[in-house]
N, C-alpha and C. Protein backbone atom coordinates (compact mmCIF):
# COMPACT_ATOMS: atom_id res chain seq x y z
N MET A 1 -48.57 99.97 -53.76
CA MET A 1 -50.08 99.39 -52.85
C MET A 1 -49.73 98.79 -51.11
N ALA A 2 -50.94 99.28 -51.03
CA ALA A 2 -50.42 98.74 -49.69
C ALA A 2 -49.84 97.27 -49.04
N ASP A 3 -49.55 98.04 -48.05
CA ASP A 3 -49.11 96.29 -47.54
C ASP A 3 -49.40 95.28 -46.92
N THR A 4 -49.09 94.34 -46.90
CA THR A 4 -50.58 93.16 -46.63
C THR A 4 -49.46 92.72 -45.53
N TYR A 5 -50.14 91.83 -44.33
CA TYR A 5 -49.90 90.86 -44.45
C TYR A 5 -50.77 90.10 -43.38
N ASP A 6 -50.14 88.72 -42.83
CA ASP A 6 -51.01 87.43 -42.27
C ASP A 6 -51.57 88.21 -41.37
N VAL A 7 -51.02 89.04 -40.07
CA VAL A 7 -51.47 89.36 -38.60
C VAL A 7 -50.75 90.87 -38.94
N VAL A 8 -50.99 91.35 -38.41
CA VAL A 8 -51.17 92.77 -37.41
C VAL A 8 -50.88 92.83 -36.71
N ILE A 9 -50.81 92.92 -35.07
CA ILE A 9 -50.70 93.01 -33.81
C ILE A 9 -50.58 94.83 -33.14
N ILE A 10 -51.98 94.95 -32.40
CA ILE A 10 -51.75 96.24 -32.02
C ILE A 10 -51.26 95.94 -30.32
N GLY A 11 -50.17 96.55 -30.08
CA GLY A 11 -49.02 97.25 -28.87
C GLY A 11 -48.15 95.46 -27.94
N SER A 12 -47.19 96.67 -28.55
CA SER A 12 -46.08 95.22 -28.33
C SER A 12 -45.55 95.19 -26.32
N GLY A 13 -46.70 95.28 -24.91
CA GLY A 13 -47.09 94.30 -24.29
C GLY A 13 -46.23 93.37 -24.03
N PRO A 14 -45.68 92.52 -22.89
CA PRO A 14 -45.64 91.28 -22.73
C PRO A 14 -46.60 90.45 -23.94
N GLY A 15 -48.15 90.18 -23.75
CA GLY A 15 -48.73 89.82 -24.90
C GLY A 15 -48.50 89.88 -26.41
N GLY A 16 -47.91 91.13 -26.70
CA GLY A 16 -48.28 90.83 -28.22
C GLY A 16 -47.07 90.99 -28.57
N TYR A 17 -45.90 90.52 -27.74
CA TYR A 17 -44.32 91.07 -28.25
C TYR A 17 -44.19 89.34 -28.45
N VAL A 18 -44.58 88.93 -27.91
CA VAL A 18 -44.89 86.22 -27.41
C VAL A 18 -45.98 86.18 -28.84
N CYS A 19 -46.96 87.42 -28.99
CA CYS A 19 -47.31 86.99 -30.25
C CYS A 19 -47.03 86.84 -31.59
N ALA A 20 -46.60 88.07 -31.57
CA ALA A 20 -45.08 88.94 -32.59
C ALA A 20 -43.64 87.70 -32.98
N ILE A 21 -44.19 87.35 -32.13
CA ILE A 21 -42.77 86.33 -32.31
C ILE A 21 -42.55 85.04 -32.72
N LYS A 22 -43.89 84.61 -31.99
CA LYS A 22 -44.51 83.12 -32.37
C LYS A 22 -45.40 83.21 -34.15
N CYS A 23 -45.77 84.40 -34.48
CA CYS A 23 -46.17 84.15 -35.45
C CYS A 23 -45.02 84.20 -36.57
N GLY A 24 -44.06 85.37 -35.98
CA GLY A 24 -42.76 84.96 -37.63
C GLY A 24 -42.09 83.89 -37.27
N GLN A 25 -41.97 83.58 -36.09
CA GLN A 25 -42.08 81.43 -36.18
C GLN A 25 -42.63 81.17 -36.82
N LEU A 26 -43.24 80.76 -37.04
CA LEU A 26 -44.56 80.03 -37.32
C LEU A 26 -44.49 80.43 -39.48
N GLY A 27 -43.46 81.03 -39.74
CA GLY A 27 -43.78 81.84 -40.85
C GLY A 27 -44.59 83.21 -41.44
N LEU A 28 -45.26 83.02 -40.75
CA LEU A 28 -46.68 84.37 -41.06
C LEU A 28 -46.60 85.66 -41.58
N LYS A 29 -46.23 86.25 -42.05
CA LYS A 29 -46.32 87.95 -42.12
C LYS A 29 -45.85 88.39 -41.57
N THR A 30 -45.68 89.62 -40.86
CA THR A 30 -46.19 89.82 -39.10
C THR A 30 -45.85 91.01 -38.95
N ALA A 31 -46.89 91.98 -38.56
CA ALA A 31 -47.02 92.82 -37.79
C ALA A 31 -47.02 93.45 -37.11
N ILE A 32 -45.74 94.04 -35.50
CA ILE A 32 -46.74 95.22 -34.38
C ILE A 32 -47.10 96.62 -34.57
N ILE A 33 -47.86 96.72 -33.89
CA ILE A 33 -48.27 98.02 -33.88
C ILE A 33 -47.84 99.09 -32.54
N GLU A 34 -46.63 99.93 -32.21
CA GLU A 34 -47.02 100.58 -31.11
C GLU A 34 -46.36 101.36 -30.69
N LYS A 35 -47.15 102.25 -29.83
CA LYS A 35 -47.40 103.70 -29.69
C LYS A 35 -45.91 104.68 -29.03
N SER A 36 -45.57 103.87 -28.57
CA SER A 36 -43.94 104.33 -28.00
C SER A 36 -43.10 104.14 -28.38
N PRO A 37 -42.10 105.18 -28.15
CA PRO A 37 -40.78 105.51 -28.91
C PRO A 37 -40.24 103.65 -28.63
N THR A 38 -40.28 102.77 -27.54
CA THR A 38 -39.40 101.76 -27.39
C THR A 38 -40.83 100.47 -27.17
N LEU A 39 -40.18 98.86 -27.34
CA LEU A 39 -40.89 98.42 -27.82
C LEU A 39 -41.22 97.55 -26.07
N GLY A 40 -42.22 96.70 -26.28
CA GLY A 40 -42.14 96.39 -24.51
C GLY A 40 -43.16 96.44 -23.61
N GLY A 41 -44.31 97.55 -23.84
CA GLY A 41 -44.92 98.57 -23.11
C GLY A 41 -45.07 98.73 -22.28
N THR A 42 -45.93 99.42 -20.82
CA THR A 42 -46.00 99.05 -19.81
C THR A 42 -45.02 99.09 -19.33
N CYS A 43 -45.53 97.28 -19.04
CA CYS A 43 -44.30 96.46 -18.32
C CYS A 43 -43.39 96.67 -18.63
N LEU A 44 -42.88 96.21 -19.48
CA LEU A 44 -41.52 96.58 -19.75
C LEU A 44 -40.26 97.93 -19.46
N ASN A 45 -41.21 99.07 -20.07
CA ASN A 45 -40.78 100.60 -20.01
C ASN A 45 -40.77 101.14 -18.47
N VAL A 46 -41.83 101.75 -18.55
CA VAL A 46 -42.32 102.07 -17.11
C VAL A 46 -42.39 101.27 -15.74
N GLY A 47 -43.55 100.18 -15.85
CA GLY A 47 -44.47 99.53 -14.69
C GLY A 47 -43.04 98.50 -14.12
N CYS A 48 -43.54 97.07 -14.68
CA CYS A 48 -42.75 96.06 -13.81
C CYS A 48 -41.59 96.13 -13.73
N ILE A 49 -41.33 95.98 -14.97
CA ILE A 49 -39.55 95.81 -15.17
C ILE A 49 -38.64 96.36 -14.00
N PRO A 50 -38.72 98.12 -14.53
CA PRO A 50 -37.65 99.11 -13.37
C PRO A 50 -38.40 98.88 -12.09
N SER A 51 -40.06 98.65 -12.02
CA SER A 51 -40.13 98.28 -10.67
C SER A 51 -39.27 97.68 -9.50
N LYS A 52 -39.35 96.27 -10.06
CA LYS A 52 -38.57 95.31 -9.51
C LYS A 52 -36.91 95.60 -9.87
N ALA A 53 -36.57 96.60 -10.16
CA ALA A 53 -34.70 96.11 -10.76
C ALA A 53 -34.81 97.52 -9.22
N LEU A 54 -35.72 98.46 -9.21
CA LEU A 54 -35.38 99.57 -7.95
C LEU A 54 -35.85 98.30 -6.24
N LEU A 55 -36.74 97.72 -6.47
CA LEU A 55 -36.72 97.12 -5.37
C LEU A 55 -36.01 95.82 -5.46
N HIS A 56 -35.13 95.30 -6.35
CA HIS A 56 -34.06 94.29 -6.05
C HIS A 56 -32.83 95.43 -5.19
N ALA A 57 -32.95 96.54 -6.20
CA ALA A 57 -31.58 97.71 -5.07
C ALA A 57 -31.80 97.50 -3.87
N SER A 58 -32.39 98.25 -4.07
CA SER A 58 -33.29 98.26 -2.77
C SER A 58 -33.22 97.18 -1.41
N GLU A 59 -33.36 96.06 -2.41
CA GLU A 59 -33.11 94.78 -1.47
C GLU A 59 -32.03 94.20 -0.75
N MET A 60 -30.84 95.22 -1.52
CA MET A 60 -29.56 95.11 -1.87
C MET A 60 -29.00 95.30 -0.44
N PHE A 61 -30.00 96.43 -0.40
CA PHE A 61 -29.29 97.93 0.01
C PHE A 61 -29.43 97.77 1.70
N ALA A 62 -30.42 97.49 2.10
CA ALA A 62 -31.44 96.53 3.45
C ALA A 62 -30.52 95.30 4.04
N GLU A 63 -29.81 94.69 2.70
CA GLU A 63 -29.34 93.46 3.25
C GLU A 63 -28.46 93.44 3.67
N ALA A 64 -26.72 94.56 3.06
CA ALA A 64 -26.12 95.36 3.60
C ALA A 64 -25.59 95.58 4.45
N GLY A 65 -27.11 96.41 4.90
CA GLY A 65 -26.78 97.25 6.75
C GLY A 65 -27.85 96.49 7.46
N HIS A 66 -27.97 95.23 7.03
CA HIS A 66 -28.91 94.57 8.32
C HIS A 66 -28.99 92.96 7.92
N GLY A 67 -28.20 92.35 6.93
CA GLY A 67 -28.27 91.06 6.97
C GLY A 67 -26.86 90.36 7.01
N MET A 68 -25.97 91.34 7.11
CA MET A 68 -24.13 90.32 6.26
C MET A 68 -24.07 89.43 8.08
N ALA A 69 -23.87 90.47 8.72
CA ALA A 69 -23.58 90.19 10.08
C ALA A 69 -23.98 88.61 10.50
N ALA A 70 -25.52 87.80 11.01
CA ALA A 70 -25.42 86.83 10.53
C ALA A 70 -24.57 85.44 9.32
N LEU A 71 -24.24 86.13 8.41
CA LEU A 71 -23.64 86.07 7.71
C LEU A 71 -22.13 85.02 8.08
N GLY A 72 -21.34 86.02 8.61
CA GLY A 72 -20.13 86.06 9.13
C GLY A 72 -19.47 86.88 8.58
N ILE A 73 -20.23 88.26 7.79
CA ILE A 73 -19.69 89.68 7.40
C ILE A 73 -19.48 90.62 7.01
N THR A 74 -18.86 91.40 8.28
CA THR A 74 -18.88 92.59 8.36
C THR A 74 -18.21 93.54 7.51
N VAL A 75 -19.52 94.55 7.40
CA VAL A 75 -19.50 95.90 6.34
C VAL A 75 -19.74 96.58 7.12
N GLY A 76 -19.87 98.23 6.98
CA GLY A 76 -19.16 98.83 6.82
C GLY A 76 -20.25 99.72 7.12
N LYS A 77 -21.87 101.23 7.04
CA LYS A 77 -22.90 100.94 7.03
C LYS A 77 -22.76 101.92 5.76
N PRO A 78 -23.68 101.40 4.71
CA PRO A 78 -24.31 101.33 2.86
C PRO A 78 -24.74 102.88 3.13
N LYS A 79 -24.18 103.46 1.99
CA LYS A 79 -24.47 104.74 1.60
C LYS A 79 -25.18 104.24 0.06
N LEU A 80 -25.95 105.24 -0.31
CA LEU A 80 -27.35 105.42 -0.98
C LEU A 80 -26.83 106.02 -2.01
N ASN A 81 -26.14 105.49 -2.77
CA ASN A 81 -25.90 106.75 -4.82
C ASN A 81 -27.53 106.33 -5.45
N LEU A 82 -27.79 107.36 -5.69
CA LEU A 82 -29.63 107.39 -5.59
C LEU A 82 -29.14 107.23 -7.99
N LYS A 83 -28.30 108.32 -7.64
CA LYS A 83 -27.76 107.86 -9.32
C LYS A 83 -27.07 106.88 -9.87
N ALA A 84 -27.04 106.26 -9.10
CA ALA A 84 -26.30 105.24 -9.24
C ALA A 84 -27.78 103.44 -9.90
N MET A 85 -28.09 104.09 -9.01
CA MET A 85 -28.92 102.98 -8.87
C MET A 85 -30.88 103.34 -9.72
N MET A 86 -30.43 104.90 -10.05
CA MET A 86 -31.00 105.43 -11.15
C MET A 86 -30.55 104.30 -12.51
N ALA A 87 -29.50 104.69 -12.42
CA ALA A 87 -28.45 104.72 -13.76
C ALA A 87 -29.07 102.27 -13.71
N HIS A 88 -28.91 101.60 -13.08
CA HIS A 88 -29.05 100.55 -12.94
C HIS A 88 -30.77 99.94 -13.69
N LYS A 89 -31.58 100.89 -12.73
CA LYS A 89 -32.75 100.38 -13.34
C LYS A 89 -33.20 101.24 -14.50
N ASP A 90 -32.28 101.86 -15.42
CA ASP A 90 -32.63 102.40 -16.65
C ASP A 90 -31.42 101.66 -17.99
N ASN A 91 -30.67 101.04 -17.19
CA ASN A 91 -29.86 100.12 -17.98
C ASN A 91 -31.02 98.47 -17.68
N THR A 92 -30.82 98.02 -17.00
CA THR A 92 -32.16 97.37 -16.67
C THR A 92 -33.66 97.19 -17.87
N VAL A 93 -33.58 98.08 -17.65
CA VAL A 93 -34.57 98.26 -19.12
C VAL A 93 -34.48 98.58 -19.66
N LYS A 94 -33.52 99.34 -20.32
CA LYS A 94 -32.38 99.07 -21.69
C LYS A 94 -32.16 97.56 -22.39
N ALA A 95 -32.17 96.90 -21.60
CA ALA A 95 -31.39 95.24 -21.99
C ALA A 95 -32.37 94.56 -22.40
N ASN A 96 -33.69 94.82 -21.70
CA ASN A 96 -35.10 94.26 -22.30
C ASN A 96 -35.78 94.39 -23.08
N VAL A 97 -35.36 96.27 -22.99
CA VAL A 97 -36.54 96.28 -24.68
C VAL A 97 -35.41 96.46 -26.16
N ASP A 98 -34.60 96.66 -25.60
CA ASP A 98 -33.41 96.20 -27.29
C ASP A 98 -33.24 94.66 -27.18
N GLY A 99 -33.80 93.57 -26.54
CA GLY A 99 -33.69 92.35 -26.54
C GLY A 99 -34.88 91.31 -27.76
N VAL A 100 -36.67 92.36 -26.68
CA VAL A 100 -37.21 92.61 -27.46
C VAL A 100 -37.24 93.06 -28.69
N ALA A 101 -36.75 93.95 -29.15
CA ALA A 101 -36.37 94.57 -30.72
C ALA A 101 -35.69 93.94 -31.21
N TYR A 102 -34.79 93.52 -30.70
CA TYR A 102 -33.92 92.38 -31.33
C TYR A 102 -34.74 90.69 -31.30
N LEU A 103 -35.48 90.63 -30.92
CA LEU A 103 -36.31 88.78 -30.82
C LEU A 103 -37.58 89.63 -32.05
N MET A 104 -37.82 91.30 -32.65
CA MET A 104 -38.51 91.44 -34.02
C MET A 104 -37.94 90.67 -35.38
N LYS A 105 -36.73 91.98 -35.14
CA LYS A 105 -35.34 91.20 -36.42
C LYS A 105 -35.45 89.93 -36.57
N LYS A 106 -34.97 89.14 -35.97
CA LYS A 106 -34.79 88.20 -35.76
C LYS A 106 -35.63 86.91 -35.98
N ASN A 107 -36.51 87.69 -35.89
CA ASN A 107 -38.27 86.49 -36.75
C ASN A 107 -38.99 87.49 -37.79
N LYS A 108 -38.49 88.15 -38.04
CA LYS A 108 -38.58 88.97 -39.24
C LYS A 108 -39.96 89.37 -39.53
N VAL A 109 -40.12 90.47 -37.87
CA VAL A 109 -41.47 91.59 -37.63
C VAL A 109 -41.41 92.61 -37.77
N ASP A 110 -42.13 93.53 -38.65
CA ASP A 110 -42.10 94.64 -38.85
C ASP A 110 -42.67 95.27 -37.51
N VAL A 111 -41.69 96.62 -37.47
CA VAL A 111 -42.25 97.20 -35.97
C VAL A 111 -42.58 98.64 -36.34
N TYR A 112 -43.81 99.31 -36.51
CA TYR A 112 -44.90 100.79 -36.64
C TYR A 112 -44.67 101.21 -35.50
N HIS A 113 -44.51 102.46 -35.14
CA HIS A 113 -44.27 102.80 -34.28
C HIS A 113 -45.78 103.78 -34.65
N GLY A 114 -46.22 104.02 -33.51
CA GLY A 114 -47.62 105.75 -33.71
C GLY A 114 -49.45 104.21 -33.28
N THR A 115 -50.58 105.02 -33.12
CA THR A 115 -51.66 104.21 -32.61
C THR A 115 -52.06 103.39 -34.00
N GLY A 116 -51.96 102.72 -32.84
CA GLY A 116 -53.37 101.40 -34.21
C GLY A 116 -54.45 101.27 -34.15
N SER A 117 -55.69 101.01 -35.04
CA SER A 117 -57.43 101.19 -34.69
C SER A 117 -57.38 100.19 -36.07
N ILE A 118 -58.35 99.44 -35.50
CA ILE A 118 -58.91 98.13 -36.86
C ILE A 118 -60.36 99.38 -37.24
N ALA A 119 -59.74 99.59 -38.16
CA ALA A 119 -60.29 100.45 -39.51
C ALA A 119 -61.58 100.03 -40.06
N GLY A 120 -61.70 98.15 -39.44
CA GLY A 120 -62.87 97.83 -40.64
C GLY A 120 -62.07 96.44 -40.77
N LYS A 121 -62.81 95.37 -41.59
CA LYS A 121 -62.65 93.75 -41.84
C LYS A 121 -61.99 94.12 -42.28
N GLY A 122 -60.05 93.45 -41.90
CA GLY A 122 -58.81 93.67 -42.94
C GLY A 122 -58.37 94.16 -42.28
N LYS A 123 -58.97 94.59 -41.83
CA LYS A 123 -58.30 96.58 -42.53
C LYS A 123 -57.23 97.59 -40.48
N VAL A 124 -56.18 97.91 -40.81
CA VAL A 124 -55.71 97.70 -39.31
C VAL A 124 -55.55 99.00 -40.50
N THR A 125 -55.60 100.46 -39.32
CA THR A 125 -54.24 101.50 -39.91
C THR A 125 -53.92 101.87 -38.15
N VAL A 126 -52.43 102.53 -38.69
CA VAL A 126 -51.21 103.26 -37.36
C VAL A 126 -51.16 104.65 -38.38
N THR A 127 -51.83 105.33 -37.16
CA THR A 127 -51.57 106.86 -37.42
C THR A 127 -49.85 107.25 -35.95
N ASP A 128 -48.62 107.94 -37.43
CA ASP A 128 -48.06 107.85 -36.67
C ASP A 128 -47.61 109.63 -35.61
N ASP A 129 -47.16 109.79 -35.24
CA ASP A 129 -46.63 110.85 -33.74
C ASP A 129 -46.95 111.89 -34.86
N LYS A 130 -46.69 112.38 -35.75
CA LYS A 130 -47.25 113.19 -36.55
C LYS A 130 -48.64 113.18 -37.14
N GLY A 131 -49.15 112.30 -37.74
CA GLY A 131 -50.68 112.05 -37.64
C GLY A 131 -50.69 111.81 -39.18
N LYS A 132 -49.81 110.96 -39.84
CA LYS A 132 -49.78 110.74 -41.67
C LYS A 132 -50.10 109.11 -40.63
N LYS A 133 -51.53 108.68 -41.37
CA LYS A 133 -51.54 106.73 -41.37
C LYS A 133 -51.40 106.13 -42.71
N HIS A 134 -51.62 105.22 -42.56
CA HIS A 134 -50.84 103.67 -43.12
C HIS A 134 -51.73 103.02 -42.80
N THR A 135 -52.57 102.30 -43.78
CA THR A 135 -53.03 100.65 -43.01
C THR A 135 -52.56 99.77 -44.05
N PHE A 136 -52.90 98.84 -43.41
CA PHE A 136 -53.04 97.20 -43.87
C PHE A 136 -54.38 97.03 -44.40
N TYR A 137 -53.63 96.09 -45.34
CA TYR A 137 -54.91 95.11 -45.97
C TYR A 137 -54.64 93.54 -45.09
N ASN A 138 -55.80 92.50 -46.04
CA ASN A 138 -55.32 91.31 -46.22
C ASN A 138 -54.81 90.09 -45.47
N PHE A 139 -54.98 90.18 -44.10
CA PHE A 139 -54.37 89.46 -43.48
C PHE A 139 -55.73 87.78 -43.20
N TYR A 140 -54.33 87.66 -42.65
CA TYR A 140 -55.69 85.55 -42.36
C TYR A 140 -56.58 86.22 -41.23
N GLU A 141 -57.99 85.22 -41.12
CA GLU A 141 -58.94 85.71 -39.91
C GLU A 141 -58.13 85.75 -38.53
N LEU A 142 -58.71 86.51 -37.47
CA LEU A 142 -58.48 86.84 -36.86
C LEU A 142 -58.11 85.88 -36.15
N VAL A 143 -56.58 85.99 -35.08
CA VAL A 143 -56.81 84.10 -34.65
C VAL A 143 -56.76 85.23 -33.28
N GLU A 144 -58.29 84.49 -32.19
CA GLU A 144 -57.76 85.32 -30.75
C GLU A 144 -58.57 84.29 -29.94
N TYR A 145 -58.83 84.60 -28.40
CA TYR A 145 -59.78 83.82 -28.04
C TYR A 145 -60.11 84.88 -26.55
N ILE A 146 -60.95 85.55 -26.89
CA ILE A 146 -61.34 86.34 -26.24
C ILE A 146 -62.64 86.03 -25.47
N ASP A 147 -62.98 86.01 -24.37
CA ASP A 147 -64.42 85.61 -23.81
C ASP A 147 -64.99 87.72 -23.72
N SER A 148 -66.48 87.35 -24.00
CA SER A 148 -67.32 88.40 -24.13
C SER A 148 -66.77 88.89 -22.96
N PHE A 149 -66.06 88.94 -21.82
CA PHE A 149 -66.62 89.63 -20.53
C PHE A 149 -65.07 90.23 -20.48
N THR A 150 -63.68 89.78 -20.82
CA THR A 150 -63.09 90.88 -21.30
C THR A 150 -62.72 91.98 -22.19
N MET A 151 -63.90 91.58 -23.09
CA MET A 151 -64.10 92.12 -24.33
C MET A 151 -65.24 92.63 -24.31
N SER A 152 -65.90 93.74 -22.86
CA SER A 152 -67.84 93.60 -22.56
C SER A 152 -67.19 94.98 -23.11
N PHE A 153 -66.11 96.15 -23.62
CA PHE A 153 -66.24 96.98 -23.98
C PHE A 153 -66.03 97.02 -25.50
N LEU A 154 -67.03 95.53 -26.56
CA LEU A 154 -67.30 96.26 -28.17
C LEU A 154 -68.44 96.14 -28.22
N PRO A 155 -69.11 97.16 -28.41
CA PRO A 155 -70.03 97.04 -28.99
C PRO A 155 -70.72 95.58 -29.62
N ASP A 156 -72.34 95.94 -29.76
CA ASP A 156 -72.93 94.26 -29.04
C ASP A 156 -72.93 93.51 -30.65
N ASN A 157 -72.73 94.57 -31.02
CA ASN A 157 -72.57 94.14 -33.20
C ASN A 157 -71.22 93.98 -33.54
N PHE A 158 -70.34 94.58 -32.41
CA PHE A 158 -68.92 93.50 -33.17
C PHE A 158 -69.16 91.86 -33.21
N SER A 159 -68.41 90.81 -34.56
CA SER A 159 -68.17 89.66 -34.61
C SER A 159 -67.08 89.83 -35.02
N TYR A 160 -66.37 88.71 -34.55
CA TYR A 160 -65.57 88.05 -35.11
C TYR A 160 -65.02 86.23 -34.89
N GLU A 161 -64.84 85.80 -35.83
CA GLU A 161 -64.40 84.72 -36.31
C GLU A 161 -63.03 83.81 -35.53
N ILE A 162 -63.14 82.38 -34.94
CA ILE A 162 -61.71 82.39 -34.30
C ILE A 162 -61.33 81.17 -35.22
N LYS A 163 -60.32 81.45 -36.01
CA LYS A 163 -60.21 80.40 -36.63
C LYS A 163 -58.81 79.82 -37.10
N ILE A 164 -58.55 78.84 -36.90
CA ILE A 164 -56.47 78.34 -37.16
C ILE A 164 -56.87 78.31 -38.58
N ASN A 165 -55.47 78.78 -38.75
CA ASN A 165 -55.61 78.06 -40.53
C ASN A 165 -53.78 77.86 -40.68
N GLN A 166 -53.62 76.75 -39.70
CA GLN A 166 -52.27 76.23 -39.99
C GLN A 166 -51.54 76.39 -40.75
N GLN A 167 -51.80 76.22 -41.73
CA GLN A 167 -51.82 76.39 -43.23
C GLN A 167 -50.57 77.57 -43.39
N ALA A 168 -51.23 78.12 -42.91
CA ALA A 168 -50.98 79.81 -43.60
C ALA A 168 -49.69 79.86 -42.94
N GLY A 169 -48.88 79.35 -41.82
CA GLY A 169 -47.27 79.18 -41.81
C GLY A 169 -46.76 78.51 -42.65
N GLU A 170 -46.73 77.89 -43.17
CA GLU A 170 -46.76 76.51 -44.56
C GLU A 170 -46.59 77.29 -45.03
N GLN A 171 -47.89 77.80 -45.72
CA GLN A 171 -47.32 78.20 -47.78
C GLN A 171 -46.17 78.95 -47.53
N ARG A 172 -46.07 79.70 -46.45
CA ARG A 172 -45.43 81.18 -46.27
C ARG A 172 -43.37 80.97 -45.93
N GLY A 173 -43.40 79.64 -45.20
CA GLY A 173 -42.36 79.04 -44.48
C GLY A 173 -41.76 77.85 -45.86
């Protein structure tokens, strides 16, 4: 028998993982599909979070070299340890993606790694890195608020309903 879910989310970036967590909290049977080995999408893995970790370390380096004397703190000239700075960045990323993975387990969200695609009405397929396909069926109505501008890449004959079924979570809870 094929797996059935109330909600299947493609992509575990900040929008995807927050949606999955909320659906799990509402008692909906939820799955999330991520093509990368770790959750969090581009932002947590290679974009925002690693960049901010390196920017913060760089700012502290500059502050140590130029701004401490104004505070009455005398320090020697700082030395850059790039290996340690990169380790700090890696640890920051790991803490964030591990936190997202923990929240998936805590909120009973099933995680699938592979490439997700909409295969038809009420049908989502995930293809893993070995080419094996798995299909999910029979979810509640797709709940999303999307304007036509952001979805301009969809064909003209694509249609979707916006319907919120509040009782769905209550029936499972």
